[in-house]
Amino acid sequence: QVQLVESGGELVQAGGSLRLSCAASGLTISSYTMGWFRQAPGKEREFVAAITWGARSGSLIYYGDSVKGRFTISKDNAVNTMFLQMNSLKPEDTALYYCGAQNGRAYSSSRSYNWWGQGTQVTVSS
């Protein structure tokens, strides 16, 4: 059974930093596209960042336009965990952050993800 468990969300002031974690079990993250999405109240789920898998090309990294230059996605295959380092946080980054996994490469489409975690709340105060 696949489980994705997010952690690290909390209340932070604008300009601050947070590091989110996504611990996976039941699958090996190095063999899947792993992504971060977020959803604010009343809004659709938004793509944040993803790492794709690739036996020949290696992992590729992608970011949503609103987080480029501020957020960094990474993973530690040894502990089967993905991370999202978030710097220079803004109030508009406030959302429930989800991690997902898929066995394809449609990294920015939430509908392409096969498994999701329960989410971790990030709140940025102004």
PDB file of N, CA and C in Angstrom:
ATOM      1  N   GLN A   1       0.844  -1.198   0.000  1.00  0.00           N
ATOM      2  CA  GLN A   1       0.000   0.000   0.000  1.00  0.00           C
ATOM      3  C   GLN A   1       0.882   1.251   0.000  1.00  0.00           C
ATOM      4  N   VAL A   2       0.605   2.157  -0.926  1.00  0.00           N
ATOM      5  CA  VAL A   2       1.392   3.383  -1.040  1.00  0.00           C
ATOM      6  C   VAL A   2       0.903   4.412  -0.032  1.00  0.00           C
ATOM      7  N   GLN A   3       1.852   5.009   0.660  1.00  0.00           N
ATOM      8  CA  GLN A   3       1.532   6.113   1.561  1.00  0.00           C
ATOM      9  C   GLN A   3       2.512   7.241   1.343  1.00  0.00           C
ATOM     10  N   LEU A   4       1.986   8.458   1.270  1.00  0.00           N
ATOM     11  CA  LEU A   4       2.792   9.668   1.199  1.00  0.00           C
ATOM     12  C   LEU A   4       2.393  10.528   2.386  1.00  0.00           C
ATOM     13  N   VAL A   5       3.375  10.922   3.176  1.00  0.00           N
ATOM     14  CA  VAL A   5       3.075  11.692   4.379  1.00  0.00           C
ATOM     15  C   VAL A   5       3.869  12.990   4.360  1.00  0.00           C
ATOM     16  N   GLU A   6       3.143  14.106   4.266  1.00  0.00           N
ATOM     17  CA  GLU A   6       3.777  15.425   4.277  1.00  0.00           C
ATOM     18  C   GLU A   6       3.936  15.922   5.702  1.00  0.00           C
ATOM     19  N   SER A   7       4.951  16.744   5.904  1.00  0.00           N
ATOM     20  CA  SER A   7       5.151  17.398   7.197  1.00  0.00           C
ATOM     21  C   SER A   7       5.944  18.673   6.970  1.00  0.00           C
ATOM     22  N   GLY A   8       5.982  19.501   7.991  1.00  0.00           N
ATOM     23  CA  GLY A   8       6.795  20.705   7.955  1.00  0.00           C
ATOM     24  C   GLY A   8       6.033  22.002   7.790  1.00  0.00           C
ATOM     25  N   GLY A   9       4.754  21.923   7.504  1.00  0.00           N
ATOM     26  CA  GLY A   9       3.989  23.149   7.350  1.00  0.00           C
ATOM     27  C   GLY A   9       3.709  23.806   8.689  1.00  0.00           C
ATOM     28  N   GLU A  10       3.689  25.136   8.688  1.00  0.00           N
ATOM     29  CA  GLU A  10       3.381  25.886   9.895  1.00  0.00           C
ATOM     30  C   GLU A  10       3.120  27.344   9.556  1.00  0.00           C
ATOM     31  N   LEU A  11       2.879  28.142  10.564  1.00  0.00           N
ATOM     32  CA  LEU A  11       2.694  29.577  10.404  1.00  0.00           C
ATOM     33  C   LEU A  11       4.061  30.257  10.407  1.00  0.00           C
ATOM     34  N   VAL A  12       4.291  31.095   9.398  1.00  0.00           N
ATOM     35  CA  VAL A  12       5.568  31.790   9.281  1.00  0.00           C
ATOM     36  C   VAL A  12       5.310  33.207   8.786  1.00  0.00           C
ATOM     37  N   GLN A  13       6.206  34.112   9.116  1.00  0.00           N
ATOM     38  CA  GLN A  13       6.062  35.493   8.656  1.00  0.00           C
ATOM     39  C   GLN A  13       6.558  35.631   7.215  1.00  0.00           C
ATOM     40  N   ALA A  14       6.032  36.611   6.529  1.00  0.00           N
ATOM     41  CA  ALA A  14       6.477  36.889   5.169  1.00  0.00           C
ATOM     42  C   ALA A  14       7.981  37.133   5.162  1.00  0.00           C
ATOM     43  N   GLY A  15       8.647  36.578   4.141  1.00  0.00           N
ATOM     44  CA  GLY A  15      10.095  36.659   4.056  1.00  0.00           C
ATOM     45  C   GLY A  15      10.812  35.491   4.699  1.00  0.00           C
ATOM     46  N   GLY A  16      10.085  34.688   5.443  1.00  0.00           N
ATOM     47  CA  GLY A  16      10.681  33.549   6.127  1.00  0.00           C
ATOM     48  C   GLY A  16      10.828  32.334   5.243  1.00  0.00           C
ATOM     49  N   SER A  17      11.283  31.245   5.855  1.00  0.00           N
ATOM     50  CA  SER A  17      11.549  30.007   5.125  1.00  0.00           C
ATOM     51  C   SER A  17      10.918  28.822   5.836  1.00  0.00           C
ATOM     52  N   LEU A  18      10.591  27.800   5.063  1.00  0.00           N
ATOM     53  CA  LEU A  18      10.115  26.534   5.588  1.00  0.00           C
ATOM     54  C   LEU A  18      10.660  25.416   4.721  1.00  0.00           C
ATOM     55  N   ARG A  19      10.773  24.236   5.322  1.00  0.00           N
ATOM     56  CA  ARG A  19      11.166  23.054   4.571  1.00  0.00           C
ATOM     57  C   ARG A  19      10.103  21.979   4.771  1.00  0.00           C
ATOM     58  N   LEU A  20       9.460  21.606   3.687  1.00  0.00           N
ATOM     59  CA  LEU A  20       8.456  20.552   3.733  1.00  0.00           C
ATOM     60  C   LEU A  20       9.105  19.215   3.379  1.00  0.00           C
ATOM     61  N   SER A  21       8.572  18.156   3.971  1.00  0.00           N
ATOM     62  CA  SER A  21       9.037  16.805   3.673  1.00  0.00           C
ATOM     63  C   SER A  21       7.866  15.954   3.209  1.00  0.00           C
ATOM     64  N   CYS A  22       8.172  14.988   2.369  1.00  0.00           N
ATOM     65  CA  CYS A  22       7.180  14.016   1.911  1.00  0.00           C
ATOM     66  C   CYS A  22       7.829  12.635   2.019  1.00  0.00           C
ATOM     67  N   ALA A  23       7.445  11.901   3.050  1.00  0.00           N
ATOM     68  CA  ALA A  23       7.995  10.568   3.268  1.00  0.00           C
ATOM     69  C   ALA A  23       7.126   9.536   2.565  1.00  0.00           C
ATOM     70  N   ALA A  24       7.750   8.713   1.743  1.00  0.00           N
ATOM     71  CA  ALA A  24       7.010   7.730   0.945  1.00  0.00           C
ATOM     72  C   ALA A  24       7.245   6.317   1.453  1.00  0.00           C
ATOM     73  N   SER A  25       6.208   5.508   1.392  1.00  0.00           N
ATOM     74  CA  SER A  25       6.312   4.077   1.655  1.00  0.00           C
ATOM     75  C   SER A  25       5.442   3.358   0.642  1.00  0.00           C
ATOM     76  N   GLY A  26       5.828   2.133   0.328  1.00  0.00           N
ATOM     77  CA  GLY A  26       5.078   1.360  -0.649  1.00  0.00           C
ATOM     78  C   GLY A  26       5.481   1.623  -2.083  1.00  0.00           C
ATOM     79  N   LEU A  27       6.365   2.590  -2.309  1.00  0.00           N
ATOM     80  CA  LEU A  27       6.942   2.819  -3.624  1.00  0.00           C
ATOM     81  C   LEU A  27       8.335   3.412  -3.424  1.00  0.00           C
ATOM     82  N   THR A  28       9.153   3.292  -4.474  1.00  0.00           N
ATOM     83  CA  THR A  28      10.516   3.832  -4.447  1.00  0.00           C
ATOM     84  C   THR A  28      10.531   5.121  -5.245  1.00  0.00           C
ATOM     85  N   ILE A  29      10.751   6.245  -4.589  1.00  0.00           N
ATOM     86  CA  ILE A  29      10.555   7.549  -5.237  1.00  0.00           C
ATOM     87  C   ILE A  29      11.484   7.745  -6.430  1.00  0.00           C
ATOM     88  N   SER A  30      12.615   7.058  -6.465  1.00  0.00           N
ATOM     89  CA  SER A  30      13.535   7.227  -7.590  1.00  0.00           C
ATOM     90  C   SER A  30      12.946   6.686  -8.898  1.00  0.00           C
ATOM     91  N   SER A  31      11.877   5.898  -8.805  1.00  0.00           N
ATOM     92  CA  SER A  31      11.269   5.301  -9.991  1.00  0.00           C
ATOM     93  C   SER A  31       9.966   5.977 -10.402  1.00  0.00           C
ATOM     94  N   TYR A  32       9.624   7.085  -9.770  1.00  0.00           N
ATOM     95  CA  TYR A  32       8.371   7.776 -10.032  1.00  0.00           C
ATOM     96  C   TYR A  32       8.613   9.271 -10.194  1.00  0.00           C
ATOM     97  N   THR A  33       7.719   9.905 -10.908  1.00  0.00           N
ATOM     98  CA  THR A  33       7.682  11.366 -10.901  1.00  0.00           C
ATOM     99  C   THR A  33       7.033  11.801  -9.602  1.00  0.00           C
ATOM    100  N   MET A  34       7.743  12.648  -8.873  1.00  0.00           N
ATOM    101  CA  MET A  34       7.254  13.146  -7.594  1.00  0.00           C
ATOM    102  C   MET A  34       7.004  14.648  -7.717  1.00  0.00           C
ATOM    103  N   GLY A  35       5.869  15.082  -7.187  1.00  0.00           N
ATOM    104  CA  GLY A  35       5.533  16.488  -7.333  1.00  0.00           C
ATOM    105  C   GLY A  35       4.955  17.108  -6.075  1.00  0.00           C
ATOM    106  N   TRP A  36       5.056  18.429  -6.019  1.00  0.00           N
ATOM    107  CA  TRP A  36       4.409  19.238  -4.976  1.00  0.00           C
ATOM    108  C   TRP A  36       3.342  20.096  -5.636  1.00  0.00           C
ATOM    109  N   PHE A  37       2.190  20.126  -5.032  1.00  0.00           N
ATOM    110  CA  PHE A  37       1.098  20.979  -5.449  1.00  0.00           C
ATOM    111  C   PHE A  37       0.580  21.715  -4.217  1.00  0.00           C
ATOM    112  N   ARG A  38      -0.180  22.761  -4.453  1.00  0.00           N
ATOM    113  CA  ARG A  38      -0.797  23.476  -3.339  1.00  0.00           C
ATOM    114  C   ARG A  38      -2.207  23.891  -3.711  1.00  0.00           C
ATOM    115  N   GLN A  39      -3.016  24.051  -2.702  1.00  0.00           N
ATOM    116  CA  GLN A  39      -4.401  24.451  -2.930  1.00  0.00           C
ATOM    117  C   GLN A  39      -4.838  25.402  -1.834  1.00  0.00           C
ATOM    118  N   ALA A  40      -5.205  26.602  -2.259  1.00  0.00           N
ATOM    119  CA  ALA A  40      -5.744  27.601  -1.346  1.00  0.00           C
ATOM    120  C   ALA A  40      -7.265  27.506  -1.363  1.00  0.00           C
ATOM    121  N   PRO A  41      -7.926  27.975  -0.322  1.00  0.00           N
ATOM    122  CA  PRO A  41      -9.394  27.891  -0.270  1.00  0.00           C
ATOM    123  C   PRO A  41     -10.040  28.562  -1.473  1.00  0.00           C
ATOM    124  N   GLY A  42     -10.952  27.850  -2.109  1.00  0.00           N
ATOM    125  CA  GLY A  42     -11.672  28.397  -3.237  1.00  0.00           C
ATOM    126  C   GLY A  42     -10.907  28.386  -4.546  1.00  0.00           C
ATOM    127  N   LYS A  43      -9.712  27.819  -4.538  1.00  0.00           N
ATOM    128  CA  LYS A  43      -8.895  27.794  -5.750  1.00  0.00           C
ATOM    129  C   LYS A  43      -8.588  26.353  -6.159  1.00  0.00           C
ATOM    130  N   GLU A  44      -8.185  26.196  -7.422  1.00  0.00           N
ATOM    131  CA  GLU A  44      -7.820  24.882  -7.909  1.00  0.00           C
ATOM    132  C   GLU A  44      -6.422  24.504  -7.399  1.00  0.00           C
ATOM    133  N   ARG A  45      -6.161  23.193  -7.436  1.00  0.00           N
ATOM    134  CA  ARG A  45      -4.842  22.728  -7.047  1.00  0.00           C
ATOM    135  C   ARG A  45      -3.809  23.231  -8.061  1.00  0.00           C
ATOM    136  N   GLU A  46      -2.738  23.814  -7.555  1.00  0.00           N
ATOM    137  CA  GLU A  46      -1.731  24.475  -8.386  1.00  0.00           C
ATOM    138  C   GLU A  46      -0.408  23.722  -8.347  1.00  0.00           C
ATOM    139  N   PHE A  47       0.195  23.546  -9.510  1.00  0.00           N
ATOM    140  CA  PHE A  47       1.498  22.907  -9.593  1.00  0.00           C
ATOM    141  C   PHE A  47       2.564  23.805  -8.969  1.00  0.00           C
ATOM    142  N   VAL A  48       3.427  23.209  -8.149  1.00  0.00           N
ATOM    143  CA  VAL A  48       4.511  23.945  -7.492  1.00  0.00           C
ATOM    144  C   VAL A  48       5.878  23.503  -8.030  1.00  0.00           C
ATOM    145  N   ALA A  49       6.154  22.206  -7.945  1.00  0.00           N
ATOM    146  CA  ALA A  49       7.460  21.694  -8.375  1.00  0.00           C
ATOM    147  C   ALA A  49       7.378  20.190  -8.557  1.00  0.00           C
ATOM    148  N   ALA A  50       8.289  19.658  -9.379  1.00  0.00           N
ATOM    149  CA  ALA A  50       8.308  18.217  -9.603  1.00  0.00           C
ATOM    150  C   ALA A  50       9.699  17.745  -9.985  1.00  0.00           C
ATOM    151  N   ILE A  51       9.959  16.498  -9.658  1.00  0.00           N
ATOM    152  CA  ILE A  51      11.161  15.787 -10.113  1.00  0.00           C
ATOM    153  C   ILE A  51      10.688  14.567 -10.875  1.00  0.00           C
ATOM    154  N   THR A  52      11.066  14.479 -12.143  1.00  0.00           N
ATOM    155  CA  THR A  52      10.678  13.309 -12.922  1.00  0.00           C
ATOM    156  C   THR A  52      11.732  12.225 -12.803  1.00  0.00           C
ATOM    157  N   TRP A  53      11.348  11.029 -13.165  1.00  0.00           N
ATOM    158  CA  TRP A  53      12.296   9.925 -13.167  1.00  0.00           C
ATOM    159  C   TRP A  53      12.766   9.691 -14.592  1.00  0.00           C
ATOM    160  N   GLY A  54      13.952   9.101 -14.724  1.00  0.00           N
ATOM    161  CA  GLY A  54      14.431   8.817 -16.065  1.00  0.00           C
ATOM    162  C   GLY A  54      15.669   7.976 -15.986  1.00  0.00           C
ATOM    163  N   ALA A  55      15.577   6.753 -16.485  1.00  0.00           N
ATOM    164  CA  ALA A  55      16.714   5.837 -16.403  1.00  0.00           C
ATOM    165  C   ALA A  55      17.889   6.336 -17.236  1.00  0.00           C
ATOM    166  N   ARG A  56      17.575   6.889 -18.424  1.00  0.00           N
ATOM    167  CA  ARG A  56      18.660   7.337 -19.300  1.00  0.00           C
ATOM    168  C   ARG A  56      18.953   8.818 -19.170  1.00  0.00           C
ATOM    169  N   SER A  57      17.890   9.617 -19.044  1.00  0.00           N
ATOM    170  CA  SER A  57      18.083  11.069 -19.003  1.00  0.00           C
ATOM    171  C   SER A  57      18.347  11.587 -17.604  1.00  0.00           C
ATOM    172  N   GLY A  58      18.096  10.741 -16.608  1.00  0.00           N
ATOM    173  CA  GLY A  58      18.241  11.231 -15.244  1.00  0.00           C
ATOM    174  C   GLY A  58      17.034  12.037 -14.821  1.00  0.00           C
ATOM    175  N   SER A  59      17.026  12.469 -13.590  1.00  0.00           N
ATOM    176  CA  SER A  59      15.897  13.228 -13.074  1.00  0.00           C
ATOM    177  C   SER A  59      15.912  14.645 -13.626  1.00  0.00           C
ATOM    178  N   LEU A  60      14.743  15.138 -14.000  1.00  0.00           N
ATOM    179  CA  LEU A  60      14.592  16.521 -14.432  1.00  0.00           C
ATOM    180  C   LEU A  60      13.727  17.247 -13.418  1.00  0.00           C
ATOM    181  N   ILE A  61      13.992  18.526 -13.226  1.00  0.00           N
ATOM    182  CA  ILE A  61      13.289  19.323 -12.221  1.00  0.00           C
ATOM    183  C   ILE A  61      12.527  20.446 -12.902  1.00  0.00           C
ATOM    184  N   TYR A  62      11.317  20.665 -12.425  1.00  0.00           N
ATOM    185  CA  TYR A  62      10.453  21.710 -12.974  1.00  0.00           C
ATOM    186  C   TYR A  62       9.813  22.499 -11.828  1.00  0.00           C
ATOM    187  N   TYR A  63       9.542  23.774 -12.088  1.00  0.00           N
ATOM    188  CA  TYR A  63       8.899  24.644 -11.109  1.00  0.00           C
ATOM    189  C   TYR A  63       7.759  25.409 -11.745  1.00  0.00           C
ATOM    190  N   GLY A  64       6.767  25.701 -10.925  1.00  0.00           N
ATOM    191  CA  GLY A  64       5.726  26.614 -11.357  1.00  0.00           C
ATOM    192  C   GLY A  64       6.266  28.025 -11.401  1.00  0.00           C
ATOM    193  N   ASP A  65       5.684  28.852 -12.254  1.00  0.00           N
ATOM    194  CA  ASP A  65       6.201  30.213 -12.449  1.00  0.00           C
ATOM    195  C   ASP A  65       6.186  31.032 -11.160  1.00  0.00           C
ATOM    196  N   SER A  66       5.200  30.822 -10.324  1.00  0.00           N
ATOM    197  CA  SER A  66       5.052  31.652  -9.130  1.00  0.00           C
ATOM    198  C   SER A  66       6.090  31.342  -8.047  1.00  0.00           C
ATOM    199  N   VAL A  67       6.814  30.231  -8.178  1.00  0.00           N
ATOM    200  CA  VAL A  67       7.773  29.864  -7.123  1.00  0.00           C
ATOM    201  C   VAL A  67       9.212  29.798  -7.630  1.00  0.00           C
ATOM    202  N   LYS A  68       9.411  29.990  -8.918  1.00  0.00           N
ATOM    203  CA  LYS A  68      10.773  29.920  -9.468  1.00  0.00           C
ATOM    204  C   LYS A  68      11.692  30.918  -8.778  1.00  0.00           C
ATOM    205  N   GLY A  69      12.872  30.440  -8.417  1.00  0.00           N
ATOM    206  CA  GLY A  69      13.849  31.296  -7.758  1.00  0.00           C
ATOM    207  C   GLY A  69      13.677  31.386  -6.255  1.00  0.00           C
ATOM    208  N   ARG A  70      12.559  30.880  -5.731  1.00  0.00           N
ATOM    209  CA  ARG A  70      12.324  30.930  -4.285  1.00  0.00           C
ATOM    210  C   ARG A  70      12.240  29.537  -3.661  1.00  0.00           C
ATOM    211  N   PHE A  71      11.707  28.591  -4.398  1.00  0.00           N
ATOM    212  CA  PHE A  71      11.526  27.226  -3.885  1.00  0.00           C
ATOM    213  C   PHE A  71      12.518  26.287  -4.558  1.00  0.00           C
ATOM    214  N   THR A  72      12.930  25.272  -3.820  1.00  0.00           N
ATOM    215  CA  THR A  72      13.836  24.256  -4.351  1.00  0.00           C
ATOM    216  C   THR A  72      13.324  22.871  -3.973  1.00  0.00           C
ATOM    217  N   ILE A  73      13.136  22.041  -4.976  1.00  0.00           N
ATOM    218  CA  ILE A  73      12.714  20.663  -4.740  1.00  0.00           C
ATOM    219  C   ILE A  73      13.928  19.754  -4.728  1.00  0.00           C
ATOM    220  N   SER A  74      13.910  18.764  -3.874  1.00  0.00           N
ATOM    221  CA  SER A  74      15.008  17.801  -3.813  1.00  0.00           C
ATOM    222  C   SER A  74      14.471  16.483  -3.273  1.00  0.00           C
ATOM    223  N   LYS A  75      15.301  15.476  -3.318  1.00  0.00           N
ATOM    224  CA  LYS A  75      14.901  14.192  -2.749  1.00  0.00           C
ATOM    225  C   LYS A  75      16.127  13.461  -2.240  1.00  0.00           C
ATOM    226  N   ASP A  76      15.882  12.601  -1.277  1.00  0.00           N
ATOM    227  CA  ASP A  76      16.923  11.739  -0.735  1.00  0.00           C
ATOM    228  C   ASP A  76      16.447  10.307  -0.938  1.00  0.00           C
ATOM    229  N   ASN A  77      16.987   9.667  -1.953  1.00  0.00           N
ATOM    230  CA  ASN A  77      16.536   8.313  -2.270  1.00  0.00           C
ATOM    231  C   ASN A  77      16.843   7.330  -1.141  1.00  0.00           C
ATOM    232  N   ALA A  78      17.889   7.598  -0.394  1.00  0.00           N
ATOM    233  CA  ALA A  78      18.286   6.678   0.684  1.00  0.00           C
ATOM    234  C   ALA A  78      17.208   6.566   1.761  1.00  0.00           C
ATOM    235  N   VAL A  79      16.474   7.667   1.971  1.00  0.00           N
ATOM    236  CA  VAL A  79      15.417   7.639   2.983  1.00  0.00           C
ATOM    237  C   VAL A  79      14.038   7.758   2.338  1.00  0.00           C
ATOM    238  N   ASN A  80      14.024   7.655   1.001  1.00  0.00           N
ATOM    239  CA  ASN A  80      12.759   7.648   0.258  1.00  0.00           C
ATOM    240  C   ASN A  80      11.880   8.850   0.600  1.00  0.00           C
ATOM    241  N   THR A  81      12.500  10.022   0.626  1.00  0.00           N
ATOM    242  CA  THR A  81      11.809  11.240   1.045  1.00  0.00           C
ATOM    243  C   THR A  81      12.108  12.380   0.073  1.00  0.00           C
ATOM    244  N   MET A  82      11.080  13.157  -0.224  1.00  0.00           N
ATOM    245  CA  MET A  82      11.204  14.337  -1.068  1.00  0.00           C
ATOM    246  C   MET A  82      11.061  15.574  -0.198  1.00  0.00           C
ATOM    247  N   PHE A  83      11.694  16.663  -0.604  1.00  0.00           N
ATOM    248  CA  PHE A  83      11.676  17.894   0.176  1.00  0.00           C
ATOM    249  C   PHE A  83      11.279  19.081  -0.701  1.00  0.00           C
ATOM    250  N   LEU A  84      10.811  20.119  -0.040  1.00  0.00           N
ATOM    251  CA  LEU A  84      10.563  21.394  -0.705  1.00  0.00           C
ATOM    252  C   LEU A  84      11.066  22.492   0.211  1.00  0.00           C
ATOM    253  N   GLN A  85      12.169  23.098  -0.185  1.00  0.00           N
ATOM    254  CA  GLN A  85      12.708  24.237   0.558  1.00  0.00           C
ATOM    255  C   GLN A  85      12.055  25.497   0.023  1.00  0.00           C
ATOM    256  N   MET A  86      11.397  26.229   0.900  1.00  0.00           N
ATOM    257  CA  MET A  86      10.662  27.412   0.499  1.00  0.00           C
ATOM    258  C   MET A  86      11.269  28.629   1.172  1.00  0.00           C
ATOM    259  N   ASN A  87      11.806  29.539   0.381  1.00  0.00           N
ATOM    260  CA  ASN A  87      12.419  30.764   0.882  1.00  0.00           C
ATOM    261  C   ASN A  87      11.634  31.974   0.414  1.00  0.00           C
ATOM    262  N   SER A  88      11.884  33.098   1.051  1.00  0.00           N
ATOM    263  CA  SER A  88      11.228  34.360   0.680  1.00  0.00           C
ATOM    264  C   SER A  88       9.716  34.174   0.561  1.00  0.00           C
ATOM    265  N   LEU A  89       9.145  33.571   1.563  1.00  0.00           N
ATOM    266  CA  LEU A  89       7.718  33.261   1.511  1.00  0.00           C
ATOM    267  C   LEU A  89       6.865  34.522   1.489  1.00  0.00           C
ATOM    268  N   LYS A  90       5.758  34.435   0.780  1.00  0.00           N
ATOM    269  CA  LYS A  90       4.830  35.540   0.622  1.00  0.00           C
ATOM    270  C   LYS A  90       3.456  35.107   1.130  1.00  0.00           C
ATOM    271  N   PRO A  91       2.612  36.052   1.518  1.00  0.00           N
ATOM    272  CA  PRO A  91       1.258  35.676   1.959  1.00  0.00           C
ATOM    273  C   PRO A  91       0.506  34.852   0.918  1.00  0.00           C
ATOM    274  N   GLU A  92       0.753  35.116  -0.357  1.00  0.00           N
ATOM    275  CA  GLU A  92       0.062  34.366  -1.414  1.00  0.00           C
ATOM    276  C   GLU A  92       0.547  32.916  -1.532  1.00  0.00           C
ATOM    277  N   ASP A  93       1.579  32.545  -0.786  1.00  0.00           N
ATOM    278  CA  ASP A  93       2.011  31.148  -0.737  1.00  0.00           C
ATOM    279  C   ASP A  93       1.181  30.336   0.253  1.00  0.00           C
ATOM    280  N   THR A  94       0.311  31.004   0.991  1.00  0.00           N
ATOM    281  CA  THR A  94      -0.531  30.313   1.963  1.00  0.00           C
ATOM    282  C   THR A  94      -1.446  29.314   1.263  1.00  0.00           C
ATOM    283  N   ALA A  95      -1.367  28.054   1.679  1.00  0.00           N
ATOM    284  CA  ALA A  95      -2.150  26.991   1.045  1.00  0.00           C
ATOM    285  C   ALA A  95      -1.896  25.679   1.779  1.00  0.00           C
ATOM    286  N   LEU A  96      -2.694  24.698   1.417  1.00  0.00           N
ATOM    287  CA  LEU A  96      -2.439  23.320   1.831  1.00  0.00           C
ATOM    288  C   LEU A  96      -1.519  22.713   0.780  1.00  0.00           C
ATOM    289  N   TYR A  97      -0.374  22.223   1.201  1.00  0.00           N
ATOM    290  CA  TYR A  97       0.618  21.688   0.277  1.00  0.00           C
ATOM    291  C   TYR A  97       0.548  20.166   0.273  1.00  0.00           C
ATOM    292  N   TYR A  98       0.452  19.613  -0.935  1.00  0.00           N
ATOM    293  CA  TYR A  98       0.348  18.170  -1.122  1.00  0.00           C
ATOM    294  C   TYR A  98       1.548  17.644  -1.898  1.00  0.00           C
ATOM    295  N   CYS A  99       1.964  16.427  -1.578  1.00  0.00           N
ATOM    296  CA  CYS A  99       2.900  15.745  -2.457  1.00  0.00           C
ATOM    297  C   CYS A  99       2.171  14.615  -3.169  1.00  0.00           C
ATOM    298  N   GLY A 100       2.623  14.349  -4.372  1.00  0.00           N
ATOM    299  CA  GLY A 100       2.009  13.304  -5.181  1.00  0.00           C
ATOM    300  C   GLY A 100       3.057  12.499  -5.914  1.00  0.00           C
ATOM    301  N   ALA A 101       2.648  11.320  -6.376  1.00  0.00           N
ATOM    302  CA  ALA A 101       3.534  10.440  -7.138  1.00  0.00           C
ATOM    303  C   ALA A 101       2.777   9.889  -8.331  1.00  0.00           C
ATOM    304  N   GLN A 102       3.479   9.762  -9.448  1.00  0.00           N
ATOM    305  CA  GLN A 102       2.890   9.167 -10.646  1.00  0.00           C
ATOM    306  C   GLN A 102       3.955   8.373 -11.372  1.00  0.00           C
ATOM    307  N   ASN A 103       3.491   7.410 -12.194  1.00  0.00           N
ATOM    308  CA  ASN A 103       4.448   6.608 -12.950  1.00  0.00           C
ATOM    309  C   ASN A 103       4.601   7.112 -14.376  1.00  0.00           C
ATOM    310  N   GLY A 104       4.120   8.324 -14.658  1.00  0.00           N
ATOM    311  CA  GLY A 104       4.342   8.944 -15.958  1.00  0.00           C
ATOM    312  C   GLY A 104       5.237  10.163 -15.820  1.00  0.00           C
ATOM    313  N   ARG A 105       5.131  11.061 -16.777  1.00  0.00           N
ATOM    314  CA  ARG A 105       5.963  12.270 -16.732  1.00  0.00           C
ATOM    315  C   ARG A 105       5.147  13.549 -16.962  1.00  0.00           C
ATOM    316  N   ALA A 106       3.819  13.451 -16.832  1.00  0.00           N
ATOM    317  CA  ALA A 106       2.983  14.659 -16.959  1.00  0.00           C
ATOM    318  C   ALA A 106       3.025  15.417 -15.643  1.00  0.00           C
ATOM    319  N   TYR A 107       4.166  16.006 -15.365  1.00  0.00           N
ATOM    320  CA  TYR A 107       4.498  16.483 -14.028  1.00  0.00           C
ATOM    321  C   TYR A 107       3.604  17.608 -13.531  1.00  0.00           C
ATOM    322  N   SER A 108       3.049  18.430 -14.418  1.00  0.00           N
ATOM    323  CA  SER A 108       2.297  19.601 -13.963  1.00  0.00           C
ATOM    324  C   SER A 108       0.793  19.370 -13.896  1.00  0.00           C
ATOM    325  N   SER A 109       0.347  18.202 -14.286  1.00  0.00           N
ATOM    326  CA  SER A 109      -1.078  17.900 -14.281  1.00  0.00           C
ATOM    327  C   SER A 109      -1.439  17.103 -13.044  1.00  0.00           C
ATOM    328  N   SER A 110      -2.261  17.687 -12.177  1.00  0.00           N
ATOM    329  CA  SER A 110      -2.625  16.981 -10.949  1.00  0.00           C
ATOM    330  C   SER A 110      -3.401  15.701 -11.254  1.00  0.00           C
ATOM    331  N   ARG A 111      -4.116  15.671 -12.362  1.00  0.00           N
ATOM    332  CA  ARG A 111      -4.916  14.490 -12.706  1.00  0.00           C
ATOM    333  C   ARG A 111      -4.051  13.299 -13.092  1.00  0.00           C
ATOM    334  N   SER A 112      -2.778  13.552 -13.383  1.00  0.00           N
ATOM    335  CA  SER A 112      -1.873  12.468 -13.783  1.00  0.00           C
ATOM    336  C   SER A 112      -1.249  11.748 -12.603  1.00  0.00           C
ATOM    337  N   TYR A 113      -1.440  12.274 -11.422  1.00  0.00           N
ATOM    338  CA  TYR A 113      -0.822  11.675 -10.245  1.00  0.00           C
ATOM    339  C   TYR A 113      -1.701  10.559  -9.693  1.00  0.00           C
ATOM    340  N   ASN A 114      -1.051   9.453  -9.371  1.00  0.00           N
ATOM    341  CA  ASN A 114      -1.770   8.267  -8.920  1.00  0.00           C
ATOM    342  C   ASN A 114      -1.988   8.243  -7.401  1.00  0.00           C
ATOM    343  N   TRP A 115      -1.075   8.875  -6.670  1.00  0.00           N
ATOM    344  CA  TRP A 115      -1.141   8.832  -5.207  1.00  0.00           C
ATOM    345  C   TRP A 115      -0.887  10.226  -4.641  1.00  0.00           C
ATOM    346  N   TRP A 116      -1.554  10.516  -3.541  1.00  0.00           N
ATOM    347  CA  TRP A 116      -1.434  11.806  -2.870  1.00  0.00           C
ATOM    348  C   TRP A 116      -1.299  11.621  -1.374  1.00  0.00           C
ATOM    349  N   GLY A 117      -0.612  12.575  -0.745  1.00  0.00           N
ATOM    350  CA  GLY A 117      -0.606  12.637   0.702  1.00  0.00           C
ATOM    351  C   GLY A 117      -1.808  13.418   1.201  1.00  0.00           C
ATOM    352  N   GLN A 118      -1.866  13.597   2.506  1.00  0.00           N
ATOM    353  CA  GLN A 118      -3.022  14.266   3.112  1.00  0.00           C
ATOM    354  C   GLN A 118      -2.861  15.781   3.153  1.00  0.00           C
ATOM    355  N   GLY A 119      -1.649  16.263   2.910  1.00  0.00           N
ATOM    356  CA  GLY A 119      -1.395  17.694   2.886  1.00  0.00           C
ATOM    357  C   GLY A 119      -0.843  18.231   4.190  1.00  0.00           C
ATOM    358  N   THR A 120      -0.109  19.330   4.086  1.00  0.00           N
ATOM    359  CA  THR A 120       0.407  20.039   5.253  1.00  0.00           C
ATOM    360  C   THR A 120       0.164  21.528   5.043  1.00  0.00           C
ATOM    361  N   GLN A 121      -0.346  22.195   6.064  1.00  0.00           N
ATOM    362  CA  GLN A 121      -0.773  23.593   5.938  1.00  0.00           C
ATOM    363  C   GLN A 121       0.400  24.549   6.101  1.00  0.00           C
ATOM    364  N   VAL A 122       0.536  25.434   5.138  1.00  0.00           N
ATOM    365  CA  VAL A 122       1.513  26.525   5.207  1.00  0.00           C
ATOM    366  C   VAL A 122       0.727  27.832   5.255  1.00  0.00           C
ATOM    367  N   THR A 123       0.987  28.631   6.267  1.00  0.00           N
ATOM    368  CA  THR A 123       0.337  29.922   6.413  1.00  0.00           C
ATOM    369  C   THR A 123       1.402  30.991   6.548  1.00  0.00           C
ATOM    370  N   VAL A 124       1.360  31.978   5.663  1.00  0.00           N
ATOM    371  CA  VAL A 124       2.347  33.057   5.667  1.00  0.00           C
ATOM    372  C   VAL A 124       1.634  34.345   6.055  1.00  0.00           C
ATOM    373  N   SER A 125       2.056  34.930   7.158  1.00  0.00           N
ATOM    374  CA  SER A 125       1.427  36.167   7.628  1.00  0.00           C
ATOM    375  C   SER A 125       2.192  37.369   7.101  1.00  0.00           C
ATOM    376  N   SER A 126       1.449  38.440   6.861  1.00  0.00           N
ATOM    377  CA  SER A 126       2.074  39.662   6.313  1.00  0.00           C
ATOM    378  C   SER A 126       2.555  40.578   7.420  1.00  0.00           C
TER     379      SER A 126
END
